[in-house]
Amino acid sequence: MPILEIKLLEGRDEEVKERLIANVTQTVSETLQVAPERIRIILYEIPLSHWAIGGKTVKEIQAEKERLT
């Protein structure tokens, strides 16, 4: 039974996450020749303030970009 963990930044709507789950399930099922019912997917949504790049959180980086536009 494949178990997949996917980490992504928060903010995507439910429809997008459902499409992701469906597409990943199909790909894993075809690649590993496993029935879709045996595949488990766990989505971890990381708050923007908990993900950092170059010493700044993504929340800070986005705020800076908004100020510049």
PDB file of N, CA and C in Angstrom:
ATOM      1  N   MET A   1       0.842  -1.169   0.000  1.00  0.00           N
ATOM      2  CA  MET A   1       0.000   0.000   0.000  1.00  0.00           C
ATOM      3  C   MET A   1       0.899   1.248   0.000  1.00  0.00           C
ATOM      4  N   PRO A   2       0.955   1.982  -1.125  1.00  0.00           N
ATOM      5  CA  PRO A   2       1.743   3.212  -1.156  1.00  0.00           C
ATOM      6  C   PRO A   2       1.117   4.300  -0.274  1.00  0.00           C
ATOM      7  N   ILE A   3       1.953   4.972   0.487  1.00  0.00           N
ATOM      8  CA  ILE A   3       1.530   6.106   1.303  1.00  0.00           C
ATOM      9  C   ILE A   3       2.383   7.286   0.870  1.00  0.00           C
ATOM     10  N   LEU A   4       1.740   8.338   0.387  1.00  0.00           N
ATOM     11  CA  LEU A   4       2.456   9.508  -0.106  1.00  0.00           C
ATOM     12  C   LEU A   4       2.173  10.699   0.792  1.00  0.00           C
ATOM     13  N   GLU A   5       3.219  11.426   1.106  1.00  0.00           N
ATOM     14  CA  GLU A   5       3.089  12.659   1.876  1.00  0.00           C
ATOM     15  C   GLU A   5       3.476  13.811   0.965  1.00  0.00           C
ATOM     16  N   ILE A   6       2.580  14.792   0.859  1.00  0.00           N
ATOM     17  CA  ILE A   6       2.827  15.954   0.015  1.00  0.00           C
ATOM     18  C   ILE A   6       2.756  17.193   0.890  1.00  0.00           C
ATOM     19  N   LYS A   7       3.821  17.978   0.861  1.00  0.00           N
ATOM     20  CA  LYS A   7       3.870  19.221   1.629  1.00  0.00           C
ATOM     21  C   LYS A   7       3.744  20.382   0.654  1.00  0.00           C
ATOM     22  N   LEU A   8       2.850  21.331   0.979  1.00  0.00           N
ATOM     23  CA  LEU A   8       2.680  22.498   0.145  1.00  0.00           C
ATOM     24  C   LEU A   8       2.277  23.690   0.995  1.00  0.00           C
ATOM     25  N   LEU A   9       2.527  24.856   0.456  1.00  0.00           N
ATOM     26  CA  LEU A   9       2.154  26.068   1.177  1.00  0.00           C
ATOM     27  C   LEU A   9       0.641  26.215   1.170  1.00  0.00           C
ATOM     28  N   GLU A  10       0.112  26.729   2.264  1.00  0.00           N
ATOM     29  CA  GLU A  10      -1.335  26.915   2.374  1.00  0.00           C
ATOM     30  C   GLU A  10      -1.812  27.949   1.360  1.00  0.00           C
ATOM     31  N   GLY A  11      -3.119  27.893   1.072  1.00  0.00           N
ATOM     32  CA  GLY A  11      -3.708  28.924   0.238  1.00  0.00           C
ATOM     33  C   GLY A  11      -4.395  28.414  -1.016  1.00  0.00           C
ATOM     34  N   ARG A  12      -4.235  27.153  -1.343  1.00  0.00           N
ATOM     35  CA  ARG A  12      -4.902  26.618  -2.527  1.00  0.00           C
ATOM     36  C   ARG A  12      -6.323  26.195  -2.155  1.00  0.00           C
ATOM     37  N   ASP A  13      -7.241  26.355  -3.101  1.00  0.00           N
ATOM     38  CA  ASP A  13      -8.623  25.993  -2.779  1.00  0.00           C
ATOM     39  C   ASP A  13      -8.822  24.473  -2.854  1.00  0.00           C
ATOM     40  N   GLU A  14      -9.938  24.035  -2.323  1.00  0.00           N
ATOM     41  CA  GLU A  14     -10.215  22.598  -2.206  1.00  0.00           C
ATOM     42  C   GLU A  14     -10.228  21.910  -3.563  1.00  0.00           C
ATOM     43  N   GLU A  15     -10.756  22.581  -4.586  1.00  0.00           N
ATOM     44  CA  GLU A  15     -10.824  21.977  -5.923  1.00  0.00           C
ATOM     45  C   GLU A  15      -9.427  21.650  -6.455  1.00  0.00           C
ATOM     46  N   VAL A  16      -8.489  22.534  -6.233  1.00  0.00           N
ATOM     47  CA  VAL A  16      -7.106  22.319  -6.693  1.00  0.00           C
ATOM     48  C   VAL A  16      -6.502  21.124  -5.960  1.00  0.00           C
ATOM     49  N   LYS A  17      -6.714  21.048  -4.658  1.00  0.00           N
ATOM     50  CA  LYS A  17      -6.167  19.932  -3.884  1.00  0.00           C
ATOM     51  C   LYS A  17      -6.814  18.604  -4.295  1.00  0.00           C
ATOM     52  N   GLU A  18      -8.095  18.628  -4.585  1.00  0.00           N
ATOM     53  CA  GLU A  18      -8.776  17.413  -5.045  1.00  0.00           C
ATOM     54  C   GLU A  18      -8.215  16.945  -6.390  1.00  0.00           C
ATOM     55  N   ARG A  19      -7.943  17.890  -7.307  1.00  0.00           N
ATOM     56  CA  ARG A  19      -7.335  17.529  -8.595  1.00  0.00           C
ATOM     57  C   ARG A  19      -5.945  16.952  -8.392  1.00  0.00           C
ATOM     58  N   LEU A  20      -5.172  17.548  -7.499  1.00  0.00           N
ATOM     59  CA  LEU A  20      -3.835  17.044  -7.194  1.00  0.00           C
ATOM     60  C   LEU A  20      -3.923  15.598  -6.707  1.00  0.00           C
ATOM     61  N   ILE A  21      -4.804  15.348  -5.761  1.00  0.00           N
ATOM     62  CA  ILE A  21      -4.967  14.003  -5.206  1.00  0.00           C
ATOM     63  C   ILE A  21      -5.374  13.009  -6.295  1.00  0.00           C
ATOM     64  N   ALA A  22      -6.317  13.398  -7.153  1.00  0.00           N
ATOM     65  CA  ALA A  22      -6.768  12.504  -8.228  1.00  0.00           C
ATOM     66  C   ALA A  22      -5.641  12.215  -9.208  1.00  0.00           C
ATOM     67  N   ASN A  23      -4.904  13.250  -9.607  1.00  0.00           N
ATOM     68  CA  ASN A  23      -3.826  13.065 -10.582  1.00  0.00           C
ATOM     69  C   ASN A  23      -2.667  12.247 -10.013  1.00  0.00           C
ATOM     70  N   VAL A  24      -2.293  12.512  -8.769  1.00  0.00           N
ATOM     71  CA  VAL A  24      -1.207  11.747  -8.147  1.00  0.00           C
ATOM     72  C   VAL A  24      -1.629  10.287  -7.981  1.00  0.00           C
ATOM     73  N   THR A  25      -2.859  10.083  -7.551  1.00  0.00           N
ATOM     74  CA  THR A  25      -3.357   8.715  -7.391  1.00  0.00           C
ATOM     75  C   THR A  25      -3.293   7.958  -8.714  1.00  0.00           C
ATOM     76  N   GLN A  26      -3.754   8.582  -9.783  1.00  0.00           N
ATOM     77  CA  GLN A  26      -3.737   7.926 -11.095  1.00  0.00           C
ATOM     78  C   GLN A  26      -2.312   7.592 -11.527  1.00  0.00           C
ATOM     79  N   THR A  27      -1.403   8.544 -11.357  1.00  0.00           N
ATOM     80  CA  THR A  27      -0.016   8.325 -11.773  1.00  0.00           C
ATOM     81  C   THR A  27       0.641   7.213 -10.972  1.00  0.00           C
ATOM     82  N   VAL A  28       0.455   7.220  -9.665  1.00  0.00           N
ATOM     83  CA  VAL A  28       1.051   6.184  -8.816  1.00  0.00           C
ATOM     84  C   VAL A  28       0.436   4.826  -9.138  1.00  0.00           C
ATOM     85  N   SER A  29      -0.869   4.804  -9.332  1.00  0.00           N
ATOM     86  CA  SER A  29      -1.547   3.554  -9.656  1.00  0.00           C
ATOM     87  C   SER A  29      -0.984   2.948 -10.945  1.00  0.00           C
ATOM     88  N   GLU A  30      -0.842   3.777 -11.970  1.00  0.00           N
ATOM     89  CA  GLU A  30      -0.320   3.291 -13.251  1.00  0.00           C
ATOM     90  C   GLU A  30       1.157   2.902 -13.147  1.00  0.00           C
ATOM     91  N   THR A  31       1.938   3.705 -12.471  1.00  0.00           N
ATOM     92  CA  THR A  31       3.377   3.461 -12.390  1.00  0.00           C
ATOM     93  C   THR A  31       3.702   2.228 -11.569  1.00  0.00           C
ATOM     94  N   LEU A  32       3.041   2.086 -10.417  1.00  0.00           N
ATOM     95  CA  LEU A  32       3.337   0.968  -9.517  1.00  0.00           C
ATOM     96  C   LEU A  32       2.416  -0.227  -9.733  1.00  0.00           C
ATOM     97  N   GLN A  33       1.466  -0.086 -10.643  1.00  0.00           N
ATOM     98  CA  GLN A  33       0.481  -1.137 -10.914  1.00  0.00           C
ATOM     99  C   GLN A  33      -0.227  -1.566  -9.628  1.00  0.00           C
ATOM    100  N   VAL A  34      -0.777  -0.561  -8.955  1.00  0.00           N
ATOM    101  CA  VAL A  34      -1.501  -0.760  -7.697  1.00  0.00           C
ATOM    102  C   VAL A  34      -2.903  -0.173  -7.876  1.00  0.00           C
ATOM    103  N   ALA A  35      -3.901  -0.842  -7.335  1.00  0.00           N
ATOM    104  CA  ALA A  35      -5.264  -0.318  -7.404  1.00  0.00           C
ATOM    105  C   ALA A  35      -5.353   1.025  -6.680  1.00  0.00           C
ATOM    106  N   PRO A  36      -6.068   1.990  -7.252  1.00  0.00           N
ATOM    107  CA  PRO A  36      -6.196   3.310  -6.614  1.00  0.00           C
ATOM    108  C   PRO A  36      -6.699   3.222  -5.171  1.00  0.00           C
ATOM    109  N   GLU A  37      -7.533   2.228  -4.880  1.00  0.00           N
ATOM    110  CA  GLU A  37      -8.093   2.096  -3.531  1.00  0.00           C
ATOM    111  C   GLU A  37      -7.035   1.772  -2.484  1.00  0.00           C
ATOM    112  N   ARG A  38      -5.860   1.329  -2.933  1.00  0.00           N
ATOM    113  CA  ARG A  38      -4.790   0.965  -1.993  1.00  0.00           C
ATOM    114  C   ARG A  38      -3.823   2.126  -1.737  1.00  0.00           C
ATOM    115  N   ILE A  39      -4.024   3.236  -2.423  1.00  0.00           N
ATOM    116  CA  ILE A  39      -3.105   4.374  -2.315  1.00  0.00           C
ATOM    117  C   ILE A  39      -3.625   5.349  -1.267  1.00  0.00           C
ATOM    118  N   ARG A  40      -2.724   5.779  -0.405  1.00  0.00           N
ATOM    119  CA  ARG A  40      -3.043   6.763   0.636  1.00  0.00           C
ATOM    120  C   ARG A  40      -2.231   8.022   0.367  1.00  0.00           C
ATOM    121  N   ILE A  41      -2.876   9.179   0.491  1.00  0.00           N
ATOM    122  CA  ILE A  41      -2.192  10.456   0.297  1.00  0.00           C
ATOM    123  C   ILE A  41      -2.480  11.345   1.496  1.00  0.00           C
ATOM    124  N   ILE A  42      -1.430  11.933   2.026  1.00  0.00           N
ATOM    125  CA  ILE A  42      -1.557  12.868   3.144  1.00  0.00           C
ATOM    126  C   ILE A  42      -1.039  14.218   2.659  1.00  0.00           C
ATOM    127  N   LEU A  43      -1.886  15.248   2.723  1.00  0.00           N
ATOM    128  CA  LEU A  43      -1.466  16.599   2.376  1.00  0.00           C
ATOM    129  C   LEU A  43      -1.141  17.363   3.657  1.00  0.00           C
ATOM    130  N   TYR A  44       0.023  17.973   3.663  1.00  0.00           N
ATOM    131  CA  TYR A  44       0.413  18.849   4.763  1.00  0.00           C
ATOM    132  C   TYR A  44       0.445  20.270   4.217  1.00  0.00           C
ATOM    133  N   GLU A  45      -0.399  21.122   4.754  1.00  0.00           N
ATOM    134  CA  GLU A  45      -0.398  22.515   4.338  1.00  0.00           C
ATOM    135  C   GLU A  45       0.402  23.320   5.360  1.00  0.00           C
ATOM    136  N   ILE A  46       1.465  23.924   4.876  1.00  0.00           N
ATOM    137  CA  ILE A  46       2.371  24.675   5.732  1.00  0.00           C
ATOM    138  C   ILE A  46       1.968  26.149   5.721  1.00  0.00           C
ATOM    139  N   PRO A  47       1.773  26.769   6.883  1.00  0.00           N
ATOM    140  CA  PRO A  47       1.486  28.199   6.907  1.00  0.00           C
ATOM    141  C   PRO A  47       2.637  28.995   6.284  1.00  0.00           C
ATOM    142  N   LEU A  48       2.292  30.080   5.607  1.00  0.00           N
ATOM    143  CA  LEU A  48       3.313  30.907   4.955  1.00  0.00           C
ATOM    144  C   LEU A  48       4.352  31.431   5.948  1.00  0.00           C
ATOM    145  N   SER A  49       3.949  31.572   7.186  1.00  0.00           N
ATOM    146  CA  SER A  49       4.882  32.075   8.206  1.00  0.00           C
ATOM    147  C   SER A  49       5.784  30.972   8.758  1.00  0.00           C
ATOM    148  N   HIS A  50       5.592  29.731   8.316  1.00  0.00           N
ATOM    149  CA  HIS A  50       6.402  28.604   8.784  1.00  0.00           C
ATOM    150  C   HIS A  50       7.334  28.070   7.709  1.00  0.00           C
ATOM    151  N   TRP A  51       7.434  28.751   6.578  1.00  0.00           N
ATOM    152  CA  TRP A  51       8.285  28.336   5.462  1.00  0.00           C
ATOM    153  C   TRP A  51       9.185  29.511   5.129  1.00  0.00           C
ATOM    154  N   ALA A  52      10.467  29.299   5.153  1.00  0.00           N
ATOM    155  CA  ALA A  52      11.400  30.409   4.936  1.00  0.00           C
ATOM    156  C   ALA A  52      12.343  30.127   3.777  1.00  0.00           C
ATOM    157  N   ILE A  53      12.727  31.196   3.108  1.00  0.00           N
ATOM    158  CA  ILE A  53      13.681  31.150   2.008  1.00  0.00           C
ATOM    159  C   ILE A  53      14.664  32.296   2.235  1.00  0.00           C
ATOM    160  N   GLY A  54      15.926  31.978   2.327  1.00  0.00           N
ATOM    161  CA  GLY A  54      16.936  33.014   2.484  1.00  0.00           C
ATOM    162  C   GLY A  54      16.772  33.862   3.734  1.00  0.00           C
ATOM    163  N   GLY A  55      16.298  33.250   4.798  1.00  0.00           N
ATOM    164  CA  GLY A  55      16.179  33.960   6.065  1.00  0.00           C
ATOM    165  C   GLY A  55      14.902  34.756   6.244  1.00  0.00           C
ATOM    166  N   LYS A  56      13.975  34.671   5.268  1.00  0.00           N
ATOM    167  CA  LYS A  56      12.694  35.371   5.374  1.00  0.00           C
ATOM    168  C   LYS A  56      11.571  34.378   5.143  1.00  0.00           C
ATOM    169  N   THR A  57      10.474  34.583   5.867  1.00  0.00           N
ATOM    170  CA  THR A  57       9.331  33.705   5.646  1.00  0.00           C
ATOM    171  C   THR A  57       8.684  34.057   4.311  1.00  0.00           C
ATOM    172  N   VAL A  58       7.969  33.100   3.767  1.00  0.00           N
ATOM    173  CA  VAL A  58       7.267  33.342   2.507  1.00  0.00           C
ATOM    174  C   VAL A  58       6.254  34.469   2.695  1.00  0.00           C
ATOM    175  N   LYS A  59       5.676  34.548   3.863  1.00  0.00           N
ATOM    176  CA  LYS A  59       4.729  35.628   4.163  1.00  0.00           C
ATOM    177  C   LYS A  59       5.414  36.985   4.040  1.00  0.00           C
ATOM    178  N   GLU A  60       6.637  37.098   4.575  1.00  0.00           N
ATOM    179  CA  GLU A  60       7.397  38.344   4.464  1.00  0.00           C
ATOM    180  C   GLU A  60       7.750  38.645   3.007  1.00  0.00           C
ATOM    181  N   ILE A  61       8.173  37.636   2.289  1.00  0.00           N
ATOM    182  CA  ILE A  61       8.563  37.807   0.887  1.00  0.00           C
ATOM    183  C   ILE A  61       7.368  38.283   0.068  1.00  0.00           C
ATOM    184  N   GLN A  62       6.206  37.681   0.280  1.00  0.00           N
ATOM    185  CA  GLN A  62       5.003  38.099  -0.452  1.00  0.00           C
ATOM    186  C   GLN A  62       4.614  39.530  -0.107  1.00  0.00           C
ATOM    187  N   ALA A  63       4.737  39.880   1.160  1.00  0.00           N
ATOM    188  CA  ALA A  63       4.401  41.256   1.571  1.00  0.00           C
ATOM    189  C   ALA A  63       5.339  42.262   0.902  1.00  0.00           C
ATOM    190  N   GLU A  64       6.622  41.908   0.806  1.00  0.00           N
ATOM    191  CA  GLU A  64       7.585  42.793   0.135  1.00  0.00           C
ATOM    192  C   GLU A  64       7.229  42.956  -1.338  1.00  0.00           C
ATOM    193  N   LYS A  65       6.866  41.874  -1.998  1.00  0.00           N
ATOM    194  CA  LYS A  65       6.486  41.935  -3.414  1.00  0.00           C
ATOM    195  C   LYS A  65       5.252  42.813  -3.613  1.00  0.00           C
ATOM    196  N   GLU A  66       4.289  42.706  -2.695  1.00  0.00           N
ATOM    197  CA  GLU A  66       3.078  43.522  -2.793  1.00  0.00           C
ATOM    198  C   GLU A  66       3.378  45.006  -2.621  1.00  0.00           C
ATOM    199  N   ARG A  67       4.319  45.322  -1.731  1.00  0.00           N
ATOM    200  CA  ARG A  67       4.693  46.727  -1.517  1.00  0.00           C
ATOM    201  C   ARG A  67       5.363  47.311  -2.757  1.00  0.00           C
ATOM    202  N   LEU A  68       6.073  46.469  -3.498  1.00  0.00           N
ATOM    203  CA  LEU A  68       6.801  46.942  -4.678  1.00  0.00           C
ATOM    204  C   LEU A  68       5.913  47.089  -5.909  1.00  0.00           C
ATOM    205  N   THR A  69       4.722  46.482  -5.875  1.00  0.00           N
ATOM    206  CA  THR A  69       3.852  46.579  -7.045  1.00  0.00           C
ATOM    207  C   THR A  69       2.769  47.605  -6.878  1.00  0.00           C
TER     208      THR A  69
END
